[in-house]
C-alpha atoms as a PDB file:
ATOM      1  CA  UNK A   1       4.024   8.780   6.927  1.00  0.00           C
ATOM      2  CA  UNK A   2       7.169  10.243   6.121  1.00  0.00           C
ATOM      3  CA  UNK A   3       7.377  13.933   6.288  1.00  0.00           C
ATOM      4  CA  UNK A   4       8.013  15.791   2.902  1.00  0.00           C
ATOM      5  CA  UNK A   5      10.691  18.248   2.270  1.00  0.00           C
ATOM      6  CA  UNK A   6       9.696  21.552   1.916  1.00  0.00           C
ATOM      7  CA  UNK A   7       7.950  22.325  -1.170  1.00  0.00           C
ATOM      8  CA  UNK A   8       7.042  18.722  -2.054  1.00  0.00           C
ATOM      9  CA  UNK A   9       3.861  16.899  -1.764  1.00  0.00           C
ATOM     10  CA  UNK A  10       3.331  14.364   1.214  1.00  0.00           C
ATOM     11  CA  UNK A  11       4.429  10.902   0.396  1.00  0.00           C
ATOM     12  CA  UNK A  12       2.723   8.041   1.306  1.00  0.00           C
ATOM     13  CA  UNK A  13       4.019   5.400   3.702  1.00  0.00           C
ATOM     14  CA  UNK A  14       6.340   2.530   2.464  1.00  0.00           C
ATOM     15  CA  UNK A  15       4.532  -0.598   2.639  1.00  0.00           C
ATOM     16  CA  UNK A  16       4.936  -3.140   5.671  1.00  0.00           C
ATOM     17  CA  UNK A  17       6.346  -6.131   4.099  1.00  0.00           C
ATOM     18  CA  UNK A  18       6.707  -8.071   7.389  1.00  0.00           C
ATOM     19  CA  UNK A  19       3.467  -9.785   6.750  1.00  0.00           C
ATOM     20  CA  UNK A  20       4.747 -11.016   3.322  1.00  0.00           C
ATOM     21  CA  UNK A  21       8.506 -11.538   4.343  1.00  0.00           C
ATOM     22  CA  UNK A  22       7.875 -12.678   8.029  1.00  0.00           C
ATOM     23  CA  UNK A  23       9.752 -11.454  11.041  1.00  0.00           C
ATOM     24  CA  UNK A  24      11.763 -14.760  10.656  1.00  0.00           C
ATOM     25  CA  UNK A  25      12.708 -16.338   7.177  1.00  0.00           C
ATOM     26  CA  UNK A  26      12.088 -15.026   3.813  1.00  0.00           C
ATOM     27  CA  UNK A  27       9.113 -14.128   2.018  1.00  0.00           C
ATOM     28  CA  UNK A  28       5.895 -16.221   2.498  1.00  0.00           C
ATOM     29  CA  UNK A  29       7.989 -19.340   2.833  1.00  0.00           C
ATOM     30  CA  UNK A  30       8.868 -18.099   6.464  1.00  0.00           C
ATOM     31  CA  UNK A  31       5.422 -19.612   8.007  1.00  0.00           C
ATOM     32  CA  UNK A  32       6.700 -22.882   6.480  1.00  0.00           C
ATOM     33  CA  UNK A  33      10.035 -22.849   8.070  1.00  0.00           C
ATOM     34  CA  UNK A  34       9.505 -24.917  11.145  1.00  0.00           C
ATOM     35  CA  UNK A  35       7.497 -27.419   9.108  1.00  0.00           C
ATOM     36  CA  UNK A  36      10.334 -28.005   6.658  1.00  0.00           C
ATOM     37  CA  UNK A  37      12.792 -28.034   9.383  1.00  0.00           C
ATOM     38  CA  UNK A  38      10.870 -30.998  11.152  1.00  0.00           C
ATOM     39  CA  UNK A  39      10.622 -32.691   8.090  1.00  0.00           C
ATOM     40  CA  UNK A  40      14.200 -32.811   7.274  1.00  0.00           C
ATOM     41  CA  UNK A  41      14.970 -34.069  10.916  1.00  0.00           C
ATOM     42  CA  UNK A  42      12.580 -36.711  10.555  1.00  0.00           C
ATOM     43  CA  UNK A  43      14.063 -37.800   7.448  1.00  0.00           C
ATOM     44  CA  UNK A  44      17.436 -37.896   9.093  1.00  0.00           C
ATOM     45  CA  UNK A  45      16.576 -39.923  11.740  1.00  0.00           C
ATOM     46  CA  UNK A  46      14.945 -42.530   9.483  1.00  0.00           C
ATOM     47  CA  UNK A  47      18.076 -42.604   7.391  1.00  0.00           C
ATOM     48  CA  UNK A  48      20.311 -43.234  10.474  1.00  0.00           C
ATOM     49  CA  UNK A  49      17.931 -45.968  11.563  1.00  0.00           C
ATOM     50  CA  UNK A  50      18.125 -47.484   8.125  1.00  0.00           C
ATOM     51  CA  UNK A  51      22.259 -47.577   8.253  1.00  0.00           C
ATOM     52  CA  UNK A  52      22.096 -49.025  11.465  1.00  0.00           C
ATOM     53  CA  UNK A  53      19.760 -51.670  10.941  1.00  0.00           C
ATOM     54  CA  UNK A  54      21.672 -52.865   8.010  1.00  0.00           C
ATOM     55  CA  UNK A  55      24.836 -52.794   9.953  1.00  0.00           C
ATOM     56  CA  UNK A  56      23.193 -54.979  12.651  1.00  0.00           C
ATOM     57  CA  UNK A  57      24.642 -58.870  12.286  1.00  0.00           C
ATOM     58  CA  UNK A  58      22.639 -61.388  10.762  1.00  0.00           C
ATOM     59  CA  UNK A  59      20.157 -63.561  12.913  1.00  0.00           C
ATOM     60  CA  UNK A  60      20.344 -67.236  12.762  1.00  0.00           C
ATOM     61  CA  UNK A  61      16.649 -68.650  11.569  1.00  0.00           C
ATOM     62  CA  UNK A  62      14.591 -69.696  14.156  1.00  0.00           C
ATOM     63  CA  UNK A  63      14.064 -73.578  14.798  1.00  0.00           C
ATOM     64  CA  UNK A  64      10.478 -73.512  13.205  1.00  0.00           C
ATOM     65  CA  UNK A  65      11.865 -71.653   9.869  1.00  0.00           C
ATOM     66  CA  UNK A  66      14.884 -74.110   9.645  1.00  0.00           C
ATOM     67  CA  UNK A  67      12.726 -77.220   9.722  1.00  0.00           C
ATOM     68  CA  UNK A  68      13.551 -79.194   6.275  1.00  0.00           C
ATOM     69  CA  UNK A  69      17.066 -77.605   6.403  1.00  0.00           C
ATOM     70  CA  UNK A  70      20.442 -79.406   7.063  1.00  0.00           C
ATOM     71  CA  UNK A  71      21.192 -79.104  10.848  1.00  0.00           C
ATOM     72  CA  UNK A  72      24.031 -76.631  11.559  1.00  0.00           C
ATOM     73  CA  UNK A  73      27.548 -77.998  11.995  1.00  0.00           C
ATOM     74  CA  UNK A  74      28.221 -77.962  15.832  1.00  0.00           C
ATOM     75  CA  UNK A  75      29.631 -80.001  18.398  1.00  0.00           C
ATOM     76  CA  UNK A  76      29.183 -80.322  22.147  1.00  0.00           C
ATOM     77  CA  UNK A  77      31.763 -80.925  24.923  1.00  0.00           C
ATOM     78  CA  UNK A  78      30.116 -83.570  27.339  1.00  0.00           C
ATOM     79  CA  UNK A  79      30.204 -83.286  30.959  1.00  0.00           C
ATOM     80  CA  UNK A  80      32.729 -86.204  31.027  1.00  0.00           C
ATOM     81  CA  UNK A  81      35.076 -84.268  28.691  1.00  0.00           C
ATOM     82  CA  UNK A  82      34.163 -86.325  25.606  1.00  0.00           C
ATOM     83  CA  UNK A  83      33.403 -84.166  22.548  1.00  0.00           C
ATOM     84  CA  UNK A  84      30.462 -84.846  20.541  1.00  0.00           C
ATOM     85  CA  UNK A  85      30.260 -83.845  16.694  1.00  0.00           C
ATOM     86  CA  UNK A  86      26.731 -83.555  15.230  1.00  0.00           C
ATOM     87  CA  UNK A  87      27.781 -84.389  11.686  1.00  0.00           C
ATOM     88  CA  UNK A  88      29.657 -87.849  13.236  1.00  0.00           C
ATOM     89  CA  UNK A  89      26.105 -88.940  14.055  1.00  0.00           C
ATOM     90  CA  UNK A  90      24.651 -88.908  10.818  1.00  0.00           C
ATOM     91  CA  UNK A  91      22.530 -92.509  10.432  1.00  0.00           C
ATOM     92  CA  UNK A  92      20.905 -92.020  14.109  1.00  0.00           C
ATOM     93  CA  UNK A  93      17.688 -89.775  14.814  1.00  0.00           C
ATOM     94  CA  UNK A  94      19.219 -87.202  17.031  1.00  0.00           C
ATOM     95  CA  UNK A  95      17.416 -85.732  19.994  1.00  0.00           C
ATOM     96  CA  UNK A  96      18.733 -82.509  20.699  1.00  0.00           C
ATOM     97  CA  UNK A  97      17.354 -81.321  23.786  1.00  0.00           C
ATOM     98  CA  UNK A  98      18.145 -77.724  25.504  1.00  0.00           C
ATOM     99  CA  UNK A  99      17.708 -77.526  29.231  1.00  0.00           C
ATOM    100  CA  UNK A 100      18.478 -75.643  32.640  1.00  0.00           C
ATOM    101  CA  UNK A 101      18.606 -76.717  36.068  1.00  0.00           C
ATOM    102  CA  UNK A 102      16.547 -74.019  37.196  1.00  0.00           C
ATOM    103  CA  UNK A 103      13.889 -75.005  34.367  1.00  0.00           C
ATOM    104  CA  UNK A 104      10.801 -76.526  36.265  1.00  0.00           C
ATOM    105  CA  UNK A 105       9.471 -78.203  33.180  1.00  0.00           C
ATOM    106  CA  UNK A 106      12.771 -79.527  32.226  1.00  0.00           C
ATOM    107  CA  UNK A 107      13.003 -81.125  35.641  1.00  0.00           C
ATOM    108  CA  UNK A 108       9.879 -83.234  34.536  1.00  0.00           C
ATOM    109  CA  UNK A 109      10.914 -83.750  31.255  1.00  0.00           C
ATOM    110  CA  UNK A 110      14.364 -85.417  31.744  1.00  0.00           C
ATOM    111  CA  UNK A 111      13.308 -88.582  33.508  1.00  0.00           C
ATOM    112  CA  UNK A 112      11.411 -89.175  30.303  1.00  0.00           C
ATOM    113  CA  UNK A 113      14.225 -88.462  28.381  1.00  0.00           C
ATOM    114  CA  UNK A 114      16.280 -90.879  30.450  1.00  0.00           C
ATOM    115  CA  UNK A 115      13.709 -93.549  30.214  1.00  0.00           C
ATOM    116  CA  UNK A 116      13.702 -93.233  26.439  1.00  0.00           C
ATOM    117  CA  UNK A 117      17.398 -93.717  26.376  1.00  0.00           C
ATOM    118  CA  UNK A 118      17.539 -96.533  28.327  1.00  0.00           C
ATOM    119  CA  UNK A 119      14.924 -98.267  26.014  1.00  0.00           C
ATOM    120  CA  UNK A 120      16.862 -97.361  22.785  1.00  0.00           C
ATOM    121  CA  UNK A 121      20.106 -99.016  24.292  1.00  0.00           C
ATOM    122  CA  UNK A 122      18.517-101.757  25.237  1.00  0.00           C
ATOM    123  CA  UNK A 123      17.067-102.660  21.838  1.00  0.00           C
ATOM    124  CA  UNK A 124      19.847-101.010  19.725  1.00  0.00           C
ATOM    125  CA  UNK A 125      17.595 -98.537  18.424  1.00  0.00           C
ATOM    126  CA  UNK A 126      19.965 -95.853  16.338  1.00  0.00           C
ATOM    127  CA  UNK A 127      18.751 -92.883  18.132  1.00  0.00           C
ATOM    128  CA  UNK A 128      20.843 -90.367  20.235  1.00  0.00           C
ATOM    129  CA  UNK A 129      19.785 -88.012  22.776  1.00  0.00           C
ATOM    130  CA  UNK A 130      22.007 -85.159  23.343  1.00  0.00           C
ATOM    131  CA  UNK A 131      20.953 -82.979  26.576  1.00  0.00           C
ATOM    132  CA  UNK A 132      22.481 -79.491  25.827  1.00  0.00           C
ATOM    133  CA  UNK A 133      22.746 -77.659  29.040  1.00  0.00           C
ATOM    134  CA  UNK A 134      22.249 -73.439  28.430  1.00  0.00           C
ATOM    135  CA  UNK A 135      25.101 -71.319  28.862  1.00  0.00           C
ATOM    136  CA  UNK A 136      23.218 -68.992  31.404  1.00  0.00           C
ATOM    137  CA  UNK A 137      23.141 -71.802  33.805  1.00  0.00           C
ATOM    138  CA  UNK A 138      26.091 -72.558  36.133  1.00  0.00           C
ATOM    139  CA  UNK A 139      28.279 -75.532  35.836  1.00  0.00           C
ATOM    140  CA  UNK A 140      27.978 -76.273  39.394  1.00  0.00           C
ATOM    141  CA  UNK A 141      24.335 -76.364  39.427  1.00  0.00           C
ATOM    142  CA  UNK A 142      24.075 -78.069  36.056  1.00  0.00           C
ATOM    143  CA  UNK A 143      26.386 -80.858  37.214  1.00  0.00           C
ATOM    144  CA  UNK A 144      24.622 -81.224  40.785  1.00  0.00           C
ATOM    145  CA  UNK A 145      21.197 -81.557  38.946  1.00  0.00           C
ATOM    146  CA  UNK A 146      22.548 -84.196  36.355  1.00  0.00           C
ATOM    147  CA  UNK A 147      23.933 -86.147  39.349  1.00  0.00           C
ATOM    148  CA  UNK A 148      20.830 -85.922  41.322  1.00  0.00           C
ATOM    149  CA  UNK A 149      18.760 -87.188  38.516  1.00  0.00           C
ATOM    150  CA  UNK A 150      20.946 -90.031  37.861  1.00  0.00           C
ATOM    151  CA  UNK A 151      20.792 -89.120  34.125  1.00  0.00           C
ATOM    152  CA  UNK A 152      23.220 -91.106  31.836  1.00  0.00           C
ATOM    153  CA  UNK A 153      22.386 -90.339  28.350  1.00  0.00           C
ATOM    154  CA  UNK A 154      24.867 -87.700  26.557  1.00  0.00           C
ATOM    155  CA  UNK A 155      24.851 -84.221  28.483  1.00  0.00           C
ATOM    156  CA  UNK A 156      26.899 -81.638  28.060  1.00  0.00           C
ATOM    157  CA  UNK A 157      26.980 -77.875  28.319  1.00  0.00           C
ATOM    158  CA  UNK A 158      26.931 -74.841  25.599  1.00  0.00           C
ATOM    159  CA  UNK A 159      30.071 -73.095  26.788  1.00  0.00           C
ATOM    160  CA  UNK A 160      32.382 -73.836  23.857  1.00  0.00           C
ATOM    161  CA  UNK A 161      33.109 -70.108  23.082  1.00  0.00           C
ATOM    162  CA  UNK A 162      34.835 -66.921  24.383  1.00  0.00           C
ATOM    163  CA  UNK A 163      32.102 -64.727  23.057  1.00  0.00           C
ATOM    164  CA  UNK A 164      29.632 -62.909  25.324  1.00  0.00           C
ATOM    165  CA  UNK A 165      25.778 -63.958  24.780  1.00  0.00           C
ATOM    166  CA  UNK A 166      24.544 -67.489  24.319  1.00  0.00           C
ATOM    167  CA  UNK A 167      26.193 -70.706  23.776  1.00  0.00           C
ATOM    168  CA  UNK A 168      27.252 -71.623  20.162  1.00  0.00           C
ATOM    169  CA  UNK A 169      24.776 -74.400  19.850  1.00  0.00           C
ATOM    170  CA  UNK A 170      21.721 -72.560  20.862  1.00  0.00           C
ATOM    171  CA  UNK A 171      22.558 -69.836  18.880  1.00  0.00           C
ATOM    172  CA  UNK A 172      23.059 -71.975  15.583  1.00  0.00           C
ATOM    173  CA  UNK A 173      19.910 -73.329  16.027  1.00  0.00           C
ATOM    174  CA  UNK A 174      18.114 -70.211  16.951  1.00  0.00           C
ATOM    175  CA  UNK A 175      16.334 -71.465  20.061  1.00  0.00           C
ATOM    176  CA  UNK A 176      14.353 -68.428  21.558  1.00  0.00           C
ATOM    177  CA  UNK A 177      15.721 -68.736  24.997  1.00  0.00           C
ATOM    178  CA  UNK A 178      12.615 -70.612  26.267  1.00  0.00           C
ATOM    179  CA  UNK A 179      13.137 -74.096  27.830  1.00  0.00           C
ATOM    180  CA  UNK A 180      12.767 -77.104  27.290  1.00  0.00           C
ATOM    181  CA  UNK A 181      13.319 -76.702  23.790  1.00  0.00           C
ATOM    182  CA  UNK A 182      13.791 -80.152  21.608  1.00  0.00           C
ATOM    183  CA  UNK A 183      15.278 -80.359  18.013  1.00  0.00           C
ATOM    184  CA  UNK A 184      14.486 -83.668  16.103  1.00  0.00           C
ATOM    185  CA  UNK A 185      17.100 -84.224  13.438  1.00  0.00           C
ATOM    186  CA  UNK A 186      16.875 -86.922  10.768  1.00  0.00           C
ATOM    187  CA  UNK A 187      19.381 -89.628   9.974  1.00  0.00           C
ATOM    188  CA  UNK A 188      20.344 -87.628   6.887  1.00  0.00           C
ATOM    189  CA  UNK A 189      21.192 -84.719   9.190  1.00  0.00           C
ATOM    190  CA  UNK A 190      18.053 -82.593   8.090  1.00  0.00           C
ATOM    191  CA  UNK A 191      16.009 -80.894  10.645  1.00  0.00           C
ATOM    192  CA  UNK A 192      12.578 -82.434  11.048  1.00  0.00           C
ATOM    193  CA  UNK A 193      10.901 -81.160  14.184  1.00  0.00           C
ATOM    194  CA  UNK A 194      11.037 -78.561  16.640  1.00  0.00           C
ATOM    195  CA  UNK A 195       9.225 -78.875  20.061  1.00  0.00           C
ATOM    196  CA  UNK A 196       8.862 -76.299  22.564  1.00  0.00           C
ATOM    197  CA  UNK A 197       7.991 -77.406  26.032  1.00  0.00           C
ATOM    198  CA  UNK A 198       8.497 -80.543  27.685  1.00  0.00           C
ATOM    199  CA  UNK A 199       8.175 -84.036  25.808  1.00  0.00           C
ATOM    200  CA  UNK A 200       7.131 -87.384  27.241  1.00  0.00           C
ATOM    201  CA  UNK A 201       8.132 -91.101  26.035  1.00  0.00           C
ATOM    202  CA  UNK A 202       5.207 -91.377  23.923  1.00  0.00           C
ATOM    203  CA  UNK A 203       5.894 -87.847  21.781  1.00  0.00           C
ATOM    204  CA  UNK A 204       9.526 -89.012  21.366  1.00  0.00           C
ATOM    205  CA  UNK A 205       8.433 -92.408  20.035  1.00  0.00           C
ATOM    206  CA  UNK A 206       5.961 -90.515  17.367  1.00  0.00           C
ATOM    207  CA  UNK A 207       8.735 -87.956  16.438  1.00  0.00           C
ATOM    208  CA  UNK A 208      11.797 -90.322  16.063  1.00  0.00           C
ATOM    209  CA  UNK A 209       9.480 -92.648  13.923  1.00  0.00           C
ATOM    210  CA  UNK A 210       8.296 -89.832  11.868  1.00  0.00           C
ATOM    211  CA  UNK A 211      12.019 -88.538  11.208  1.00  0.00           C
ATOM    212  CA  UNK A 212      13.237 -91.921  10.563  1.00  0.00           C
ATOM    213  CA  UNK A 213      10.468 -92.652   7.925  1.00  0.00           C
ATOM    214  CA  UNK A 214      11.201 -89.343   6.445  1.00  0.00           C
ATOM    215  CA  UNK A 215      14.459 -90.762   4.740  1.00  0.00           C
ATOM    216  CA  UNK A 216      14.265 -93.742   2.188  1.00  0.00           C
ATOM    217  CA  UNK A 217      15.681 -96.658   3.400  1.00  0.00           C
END
C-alpha cells in the first residue's frame, strides 16, 4: 500500500497487472508467444523445403512407367570401339541388358543371352542384343569378365559422359541400380517390357515374340 500524504486518506494499492501482461510479452497474448513463434518457425521450414524440392532436377521415369512409350534416344560405345545408336536399330526387337562384372545373377544370365544371340544369328532373326555394362564397374574387370565368358554379342560400357553419377543410358531408362535388368524394345522403337532379374532363353523367346507381335506387319 502506498503511504498517503499528511492529511490525505489512505490510497489503495495499484493493481498488479503482471498476471494480465505477463513477465515476458504483452497482455494476455504473452502466454501464447512461444506457441506462435514455434508455428512461424515450422511454416518457415516447410516453405524452405518446398522451394528446395521444386529446384531439384527432374527424375527420369522408371522403366516400368515408361512401358508403351518411345525409347530414349541413346547410343552406346562397344568394347571394340564401335558406336551403336539405338534409333538405327528400328525394325529389330532390341534386348537391352544392363549388367556388372560383380553381379552374380548377371554371370548366370549372360550365357543364356549368348545362346539366344547365336541362335538368332544362325536363323537371321531380326533381334539385337545389347549388353550395357554399368558405369560403376571398372573397365578392366568388365573386359576381363566378357573375355572369360567368351561373349560375342554386342557389349559396351555406359561411360559416354563427363558428368558424375550413373551412365547416360542407365539414367535415360531410369534403371534403379539393380542388376541384371532388361528392357525389350519393339521394332517401332517403343518400350514393350521391363524385366528386373535374370532371364533365360525361354523367357527371351516369349518376350521377343510378344514385342514383335505388338507391331502390325
